[in-house]
All heavy atoms as atom14 arrays in JSON, in Angstrom:
{
  "sequence": "WYRQAPGKQRELVASITEGGSTNYADSVKGRFTIS",
  "atom14_mask": [
    [1, 1, 1, 1, 1, 1, 1, 1, 1, 1, 1, 1, 1, 1],
    [1, 1, 1, 1, 1, 1, 1, 1, 1, 1, 1, 1, 0, 0],
    [1, 1, 1, 1, 1, 1, 1, 1, 1, 1, 1, 0, 0, 0],
    [1, 1, 1, 1, 1, 1, 1, 1, 1, 0, 0, 0, 0, 0],
    [1, 1, 1, 1, 1, 0, 0, 0, 0, 0, 0, 0, 0, 0],
    [1, 1, 1, 1, 1, 1, 1, 0, 0, 0, 0, 0, 0, 0],
    [1, 1, 1, 1, 0, 0, 0, 0, 0, 0, 0, 0, 0, 0],
    [1, 1, 1, 1, 1, 1, 1, 1, 1, 0, 0, 0, 0, 0],
    [1, 1, 1, 1, 1, 1, 1, 1, 1, 0, 0, 0, 0, 0],
    [1, 1, 1, 1, 1, 1, 1, 1, 1, 1, 1, 0, 0, 0],
    [1, 1, 1, 1, 1, 1, 1, 1, 1, 0, 0, 0, 0, 0],
    [1, 1, 1, 1, 1, 1, 1, 1, 0, 0, 0, 0, 0, 0],
    [1, 1, 1, 1, 1, 1, 1, 0, 0, 0, 0, 0, 0, 0],
    [1, 1, 1, 1, 1, 0, 0, 0, 0, 0, 0, 0, 0, 0],
    [1, 1, 1, 1, 1, 1, 0, 0, 0, 0, 0, 0, 0, 0],
    [1, 1, 1, 1, 1, 1, 1, 1, 0, 0, 0, 0, 0, 0],
    [1, 1, 1, 1, 1, 1, 1, 0, 0, 0, 0, 0, 0, 0],
    [1, 1, 1, 1, 1, 1, 1, 1, 1, 0, 0, 0, 0, 0],
    [1, 1, 1, 1, 0, 0, 0, 0, 0, 0, 0, 0, 0, 0],
    [1, 1, 1, 1, 0, 0, 0, 0, 0, 0, 0, 0, 0, 0],
    [1, 1, 1, 1, 1, 1, 0, 0, 0, 0, 0, 0, 0, 0],
    [1, 1, 1, 1, 1, 1, 1, 0, 0, 0, 0, 0, 0, 0],
    [1, 1, 1, 1, 1, 1, 1, 1, 0, 0, 0, 0, 0, 0],
    [1, 1, 1, 1, 1, 1, 1, 1, 1, 1, 1, 1, 0, 0],
    [1, 1, 1, 1, 1, 0, 0, 0, 0, 0, 0, 0, 0, 0],
    [1, 1, 1, 1, 1, 1, 1, 1, 0, 0, 0, 0, 0, 0],
    [1, 1, 1, 1, 1, 1, 0, 0, 0, 0, 0, 0, 0, 0],
    [1, 1, 1, 1, 1, 1, 1, 0, 0, 0, 0, 0, 0, 0],
    [1, 1, 1, 1, 1, 1, 1, 1, 1, 0, 0, 0, 0, 0],
    [1, 1, 1, 1, 0, 0, 0, 0, 0, 0, 0, 0, 0, 0],
    [1, 1, 1, 1, 1, 1, 1, 1, 1, 1, 1, 0, 0, 0],
    [1, 1, 1, 1, 1, 1, 1, 1, 1, 1, 1, 0, 0, 0],
    [1, 1, 1, 1, 1, 1, 1, 0, 0, 0, 0, 0, 0, 0],
    [1, 1, 1, 1, 1, 1, 1, 1, 0, 0, 0, 0, 0, 0],
    [1, 1, 1, 1, 1, 1, 0, 0, 0, 0, 0, 0, 0, 0]
  ],
  "atom14_positions": [
    [[47.15, 41.86, 12.42], [47.81, 43.0, 11.78], [47.73, 42.86, 10.26], [47.95, 41.78, 9.7], [49.28, 43.07, 12.18], [49.49, 43.26, 13.64], [49.58, 42.29, 14.6], [49.64, 44.51, 14.31], [49.77, 42.87, 15.83], [49.82, 44.23, 15.68], [49.66, 45.84, 13.89], [50.0, 45.24, 16.63], [49.84, 46.84, 14.83], [50.01, 46.54, 16.18]],
    [[47.43, 43.97, 9.62], [47.56, 44.13, 8.19], [48.64, 45.18, 7.96], [49.02, 45.9, 8.88], [46.26, 44.63, 7.55], [45.23, 43.58, 7.27], [44.51, 42.99, 8.3], [44.94, 43.19, 5.97], [43.54, 42.03, 8.04], [43.98, 42.23, 5.69], [43.27, 41.67, 6.73], [42.32, 40.72, 6.47], [0.0, 0.0, 0.0], [0.0, 0.0, 0.0]],
    [[49.1, 45.26, 6.72], [50.0, 46.37, 6.35], [49.68, 46.82, 4.94], [49.15, 46.06, 4.13], [51.47, 45.95, 6.47], [51.93, 44.9, 5.46], [53.37, 44.49, 5.76], [53.83, 43.47, 4.81], [55.01, 42.85, 4.92], [55.83, 43.14, 5.93], [55.37, 41.95, 4.02], [0.0, 0.0, 0.0], [0.0, 0.0, 0.0], [0.0, 0.0, 0.0]],
    [[50.04, 48.07, 4.68], [49.83, 48.64, 3.36], [51.04, 49.49, 2.99], [51.33, 50.49, 3.65], [48.56, 49.47, 3.29], [48.21, 49.93, 1.89], [46.79, 50.43, 1.78], [46.16, 50.82, 2.77], [46.24, 50.43, 0.57], [0.0, 0.0, 0.0], [0.0, 0.0, 0.0], [0.0, 0.0, 0.0], [0.0, 0.0, 0.0], [0.0, 0.0, 0.0]],
    [[51.72, 49.07, 1.95], [52.85, 49.83, 1.42], [52.34, 50.78, 0.34], [51.28, 50.56, -0.25], [53.88, 48.87, 0.83], [0.0, 0.0, 0.0], [0.0, 0.0, 0.0], [0.0, 0.0, 0.0], [0.0, 0.0, 0.0], [0.0, 0.0, 0.0], [0.0, 0.0, 0.0], [0.0, 0.0, 0.0], [0.0, 0.0, 0.0], [0.0, 0.0, 0.0]],
    [[53.09, 51.85, 0.05], [52.65, 52.81, -0.96], [52.4, 52.14, -2.31], [53.23, 51.37, -2.8], [53.84, 53.78, -1.03], [54.48, 53.69, 0.3], [54.33, 52.26, 0.72], [0.0, 0.0, 0.0], [0.0, 0.0, 0.0], [0.0, 0.0, 0.0], [0.0, 0.0, 0.0], [0.0, 0.0, 0.0], [0.0, 0.0, 0.0], [0.0, 0.0, 0.0]],
    [[51.24, 52.4, -2.88], [50.91, 51.86, -4.19], [50.49, 50.41, -4.18], [50.29, 49.81, -5.25], [0.0, 0.0, 0.0], [0.0, 0.0, 0.0], [0.0, 0.0, 0.0], [0.0, 0.0, 0.0], [0.0, 0.0, 0.0], [0.0, 0.0, 0.0], [0.0, 0.0, 0.0], [0.0, 0.0, 0.0], [0.0, 0.0, 0.0], [0.0, 0.0, 0.0]],
    [[50.36, 49.8, -3.0], [49.99, 48.39, -2.92], [48.71, 48.23, -2.12], [48.31, 49.1, -1.36], [51.13, 47.58, -2.29], [52.4, 47.55, -3.12], [53.4, 46.57, -2.53], [54.63, 46.47, -3.41], [55.62, 45.49, -2.85], [0.0, 0.0, 0.0], [0.0, 0.0, 0.0], [0.0, 0.0, 0.0], [0.0, 0.0, 0.0], [0.0, 0.0, 0.0]],
    [[48.1, 47.06, -2.29], [46.9, 46.75, -1.52], [47.26, 46.38, -0.1], [48.37, 45.91, 0.19], [46.14, 45.6, -2.19], [45.47, 45.98, -3.51], [44.56, 44.89, -4.01], [44.78, 43.7, -3.74], [43.53, 45.27, -4.75], [0.0, 0.0, 0.0], [0.0, 0.0, 0.0], [0.0, 0.0, 0.0], [0.0, 0.0, 0.0], [0.0, 0.0, 0.0]],
    [[46.29, 46.57, 0.78], [46.48, 46.15, 2.17], [46.55, 44.63, 2.21], [45.74, 43.95, 1.56], [45.33, 46.66, 3.03], [45.53, 46.52, 4.51], [44.41, 47.17, 5.31], [44.41, 48.62, 5.18], [43.7, 49.43, 5.96], [42.94, 48.91, 6.93], [43.72, 50.73, 5.77], [0.0, 0.0, 0.0], [0.0, 0.0, 0.0], [0.0, 0.0, 0.0]],
    [[47.49, 44.1, 2.96], [47.66, 42.65, 3.05], [47.71, 42.2, 4.5], [48.2, 42.92, 5.38], [48.93, 42.2, 2.33], [50.22, 42.73, 2.92], [51.48, 42.12, 2.29], [51.36, 41.2, 1.48], [52.57, 42.59, 2.64], [0.0, 0.0, 0.0], [0.0, 0.0, 0.0], [0.0, 0.0, 0.0], [0.0, 0.0, 0.0], [0.0, 0.0, 0.0]],
    [[47.2, 40.99, 4.73], [47.25, 40.41, 6.07], [48.69, 40.01, 6.38], [49.34, 39.33, 5.6], [46.35, 39.19, 6.15], [46.35, 38.45, 7.48], [45.75, 39.31, 8.6], [45.58, 37.14, 7.35], [0.0, 0.0, 0.0], [0.0, 0.0, 0.0], [0.0, 0.0, 0.0], [0.0, 0.0, 0.0], [0.0, 0.0, 0.0], [0.0, 0.0, 0.0]],
    [[49.16, 40.43, 7.53], [50.49, 40.05, 8.0], [50.41, 38.84, 8.92], [51.11, 37.85, 8.72], [51.16, 41.22, 8.73], [52.52, 40.8, 9.28], [51.29, 42.43, 7.82], [0.0, 0.0, 0.0], [0.0, 0.0, 0.0], [0.0, 0.0, 0.0], [0.0, 0.0, 0.0], [0.0, 0.0, 0.0], [0.0, 0.0, 0.0], [0.0, 0.0, 0.0]],
    [[49.56, 38.94, 9.94], [49.43, 37.86, 10.9], [48.14, 38.03, 11.67], [47.65, 39.15, 11.85], [50.61, 37.84, 11.87], [0.0, 0.0, 0.0], [0.0, 0.0, 0.0], [0.0, 0.0, 0.0], [0.0, 0.0, 0.0], [0.0, 0.0, 0.0], [0.0, 0.0, 0.0], [0.0, 0.0, 0.0], [0.0, 0.0, 0.0], [0.0, 0.0, 0.0]],
    [[47.61, 36.91, 12.14], [46.42, 36.94, 12.98], [46.55, 35.9, 14.07], [47.33, 34.94, 13.95], [45.15, 36.68, 12.16], [45.17, 35.38, 11.61], [0.0, 0.0, 0.0], [0.0, 0.0, 0.0], [0.0, 0.0, 0.0], [0.0, 0.0, 0.0], [0.0, 0.0, 0.0], [0.0, 0.0, 0.0], [0.0, 0.0, 0.0], [0.0, 0.0, 0.0]],
    [[45.78, 36.1, 15.15], [45.81, 35.18, 16.27], [44.43, 35.09, 16.88], [43.76, 36.1, 17.08], [46.88, 35.6, 17.31], [46.99, 34.58, 18.43], [46.61, 37.0, 17.84], [48.23, 34.78, 19.31], [0.0, 0.0, 0.0], [0.0, 0.0, 0.0], [0.0, 0.0, 0.0], [0.0, 0.0, 0.0], [0.0, 0.0, 0.0], [0.0, 0.0, 0.0]],
    [[44.01, 33.86, 17.16], [42.71, 33.67, 17.79], [42.83, 33.81, 19.3], [43.93, 33.86, 19.86], [42.15, 32.28, 17.47], [42.97, 31.29, 18.12], [42.12, 32.02, 15.98], [0.0, 0.0, 0.0], [0.0, 0.0, 0.0], [0.0, 0.0, 0.0], [0.0, 0.0, 0.0], [0.0, 0.0, 0.0], [0.0, 0.0, 0.0], [0.0, 0.0, 0.0]],
    [[41.68, 33.84, 19.94], [41.66, 33.94, 21.4], [42.36, 32.73, 22.03], [42.98, 32.84, 23.08], [40.22, 34.04, 21.88], [40.06, 34.41, 23.34], [38.61, 34.59, 23.72], [37.72, 34.26, 22.91], [38.35, 35.08, 24.83], [0.0, 0.0, 0.0], [0.0, 0.0, 0.0], [0.0, 0.0, 0.0], [0.0, 0.0, 0.0], [0.0, 0.0, 0.0]],
    [[42.29, 31.6, 21.35], [42.93, 30.39, 21.85], [44.4, 30.27, 21.52], [45.07, 29.32, 21.95], [0.0, 0.0, 0.0], [0.0, 0.0, 0.0], [0.0, 0.0, 0.0], [0.0, 0.0, 0.0], [0.0, 0.0, 0.0], [0.0, 0.0, 0.0], [0.0, 0.0, 0.0], [0.0, 0.0, 0.0], [0.0, 0.0, 0.0], [0.0, 0.0, 0.0]],
    [[44.92, 31.23, 20.73], [46.35, 31.25, 20.45], [46.75, 30.67, 19.11], [47.95, 30.59, 18.8], [0.0, 0.0, 0.0], [0.0, 0.0, 0.0], [0.0, 0.0, 0.0], [0.0, 0.0, 0.0], [0.0, 0.0, 0.0], [0.0, 0.0, 0.0], [0.0, 0.0, 0.0], [0.0, 0.0, 0.0], [0.0, 0.0, 0.0], [0.0, 0.0, 0.0]],
    [[45.8, 30.28, 18.28], [46.15, 29.8, 16.94], [46.58, 30.98, 16.07], [45.92, 32.02, 16.08], [44.96, 29.09, 16.3], [44.62, 27.94, 17.03], [0.0, 0.0, 0.0], [0.0, 0.0, 0.0], [0.0, 0.0, 0.0], [0.0, 0.0, 0.0], [0.0, 0.0, 0.0], [0.0, 0.0, 0.0], [0.0, 0.0, 0.0], [0.0, 0.0, 0.0]],
    [[47.65, 30.78, 15.34], [48.23, 31.87, 14.56], [48.24, 31.58, 13.07], [48.22, 30.42, 12.64], [49.66, 32.17, 15.02], [50.46, 30.98, 14.86], [49.71, 32.61, 16.47], [0.0, 0.0, 0.0], [0.0, 0.0, 0.0], [0.0, 0.0, 0.0], [0.0, 0.0, 0.0], [0.0, 0.0, 0.0], [0.0, 0.0, 0.0], [0.0, 0.0, 0.0]],
    [[48.3, 32.66, 12.3], [48.38, 32.57, 10.86], [49.29, 33.7, 10.39], [49.18, 34.82, 10.89], [46.98, 32.73, 10.24], [47.01, 32.64, 8.73], [47.58, 31.71, 8.17], [46.41, 33.61, 8.07], [0.0, 0.0, 0.0], [0.0, 0.0, 0.0], [0.0, 0.0, 0.0], [0.0, 0.0, 0.0], [0.0, 0.0, 0.0], [0.0, 0.0, 0.0]],
    [[50.2, 33.37, 9.45], [51.17, 34.36, 8.98], [51.18, 34.42, 7.45], [51.0, 33.4, 6.78], [52.58, 34.0, 9.44], [52.8, 34.06, 10.92], [52.67, 32.93, 11.71], [53.18, 35.26, 11.53], [52.88, 32.98, 13.07], [53.4, 35.32, 12.9], [53.26, 34.18, 13.66], [53.47, 34.23, 15.01], [0.0, 0.0, 0.0], [0.0, 0.0, 0.0]],
    [[51.47, 35.59, 6.93], [51.77, 35.71, 5.51], [53.09, 34.99, 5.25], [54.0, 35.0, 6.1], [51.88, 37.18, 5.11], [0.0, 0.0, 0.0], [0.0, 0.0, 0.0], [0.0, 0.0, 0.0], [0.0, 0.0, 0.0], [0.0, 0.0, 0.0], [0.0, 0.0, 0.0], [0.0, 0.0, 0.0], [0.0, 0.0, 0.0], [0.0, 0.0, 0.0]],
    [[53.21, 34.39, 4.08], [54.44, 33.66, 3.74], [55.66, 34.57, 3.83], [56.74, 34.11, 4.21], [54.33, 33.08, 2.33], [53.37, 31.91, 2.25], [53.04, 31.32, 3.31], [52.94, 31.56, 1.14], [0.0, 0.0, 0.0], [0.0, 0.0, 0.0], [0.0, 0.0, 0.0], [0.0, 0.0, 0.0], [0.0, 0.0, 0.0], [0.0, 0.0, 0.0]],
    [[55.49, 35.83, 3.49], [56.62, 36.75, 3.43], [57.22, 37.07, 4.8], [58.33, 37.59, 4.88], [56.2, 38.06, 2.75], [55.12, 38.66, 3.44], [0.0, 0.0, 0.0], [0.0, 0.0, 0.0], [0.0, 0.0, 0.0], [0.0, 0.0, 0.0], [0.0, 0.0, 0.0], [0.0, 0.0, 0.0], [0.0, 0.0, 0.0], [0.0, 0.0, 0.0]],
    [[56.49, 36.77, 5.88], [56.99, 37.1, 7.22], [57.21, 35.88, 8.09], [57.72, 36.02, 9.22], [56.04, 38.08, 7.94], [55.77, 39.31, 7.08], [54.74, 37.41, 8.35], [0.0, 0.0, 0.0], [0.0, 0.0, 0.0], [0.0, 0.0, 0.0], [0.0, 0.0, 0.0], [0.0, 0.0, 0.0], [0.0, 0.0, 0.0], [0.0, 0.0, 0.0]],
    [[56.88, 34.71, 7.59], [57.06, 33.49, 8.39], [58.52, 33.32, 8.77], [59.42, 33.48, 7.95], [56.59, 32.27, 7.6], [55.08, 32.1, 7.55], [54.69, 30.87, 6.76], [53.18, 30.73, 6.7], [52.77, 29.58, 5.85], [0.0, 0.0, 0.0], [0.0, 0.0, 0.0], [0.0, 0.0, 0.0], [0.0, 0.0, 0.0], [0.0, 0.0, 0.0]],
    [[58.74, 33.0, 10.04], [60.1, 32.81, 10.54], [60.76, 34.09, 11.0], [61.82, 34.04, 11.62], [0.0, 0.0, 0.0], [0.0, 0.0, 0.0], [0.0, 0.0, 0.0], [0.0, 0.0, 0.0], [0.0, 0.0, 0.0], [0.0, 0.0, 0.0], [0.0, 0.0, 0.0], [0.0, 0.0, 0.0], [0.0, 0.0, 0.0], [0.0, 0.0, 0.0]],
    [[60.16, 35.24, 10.69], [60.74, 36.53, 11.1], [59.84, 37.29, 12.06], [60.33, 37.98, 12.95], [60.99, 37.41, 9.86], [61.92, 36.8, 8.86], [62.29, 37.8, 7.75], [61.13, 38.22, 6.98], [60.73, 39.49, 6.86], [61.4, 40.46, 7.47], [59.67, 39.79, 6.12], [0.0, 0.0, 0.0], [0.0, 0.0, 0.0], [0.0, 0.0, 0.0]],
    [[58.53, 37.17, 11.89], [57.57, 37.88, 12.73], [56.88, 36.89, 13.66], [56.62, 35.74, 13.27], [56.51, 38.57, 11.88], [56.98, 39.74, 11.06], [58.33, 40.03, 10.9], [56.07, 40.56, 10.44], [58.77, 41.1, 10.15], [56.46, 41.64, 9.67], [57.83, 41.91, 9.52], [0.0, 0.0, 0.0], [0.0, 0.0, 0.0], [0.0, 0.0, 0.0]],
    [[56.54, 37.36, 14.85], [55.8, 36.54, 15.81], [54.66, 37.36, 16.38], [54.87, 38.46, 16.9], [56.7, 36.06, 16.95], [57.79, 35.31, 16.43], [55.91, 35.18, 17.91], [0.0, 0.0, 0.0], [0.0, 0.0, 0.0], [0.0, 0.0, 0.0], [0.0, 0.0, 0.0], [0.0, 0.0, 0.0], [0.0, 0.0, 0.0], [0.0, 0.0, 0.0]],
    [[53.45, 36.82, 16.28], [52.28, 37.48, 16.84], [51.93, 36.81, 18.16], [52.06, 35.58, 18.3], [51.09, 37.45, 15.86], [49.96, 38.35, 16.35], [50.6, 36.02, 15.6], [48.87, 38.58, 15.3], [0.0, 0.0, 0.0], [0.0, 0.0, 0.0], [0.0, 0.0, 0.0], [0.0, 0.0, 0.0], [0.0, 0.0, 0.0], [0.0, 0.0, 0.0]],
    [[51.5, 37.61, 19.12], [51.07, 37.09, 20.41], [49.98, 38.01, 20.96], [49.75, 39.09, 20.42], [52.25, 36.99, 21.38], [52.82, 38.27, 21.6], [0.0, 0.0, 0.0], [0.0, 0.0, 0.0], [0.0, 0.0, 0.0], [0.0, 0.0, 0.0], [0.0, 0.0, 0.0], [0.0, 0.0, 0.0], [0.0, 0.0, 0.0], [0.0, 0.0, 0.0]]
  ]
}
């Protein structure tokens, strides 16, 4: 998932590989969960 707020660039929120490895933006760590 990416997100884009008004007037801002699109930013990566979170990603997940087929094997389940995840990556999160610092701003959402601990609050968002990707699956």
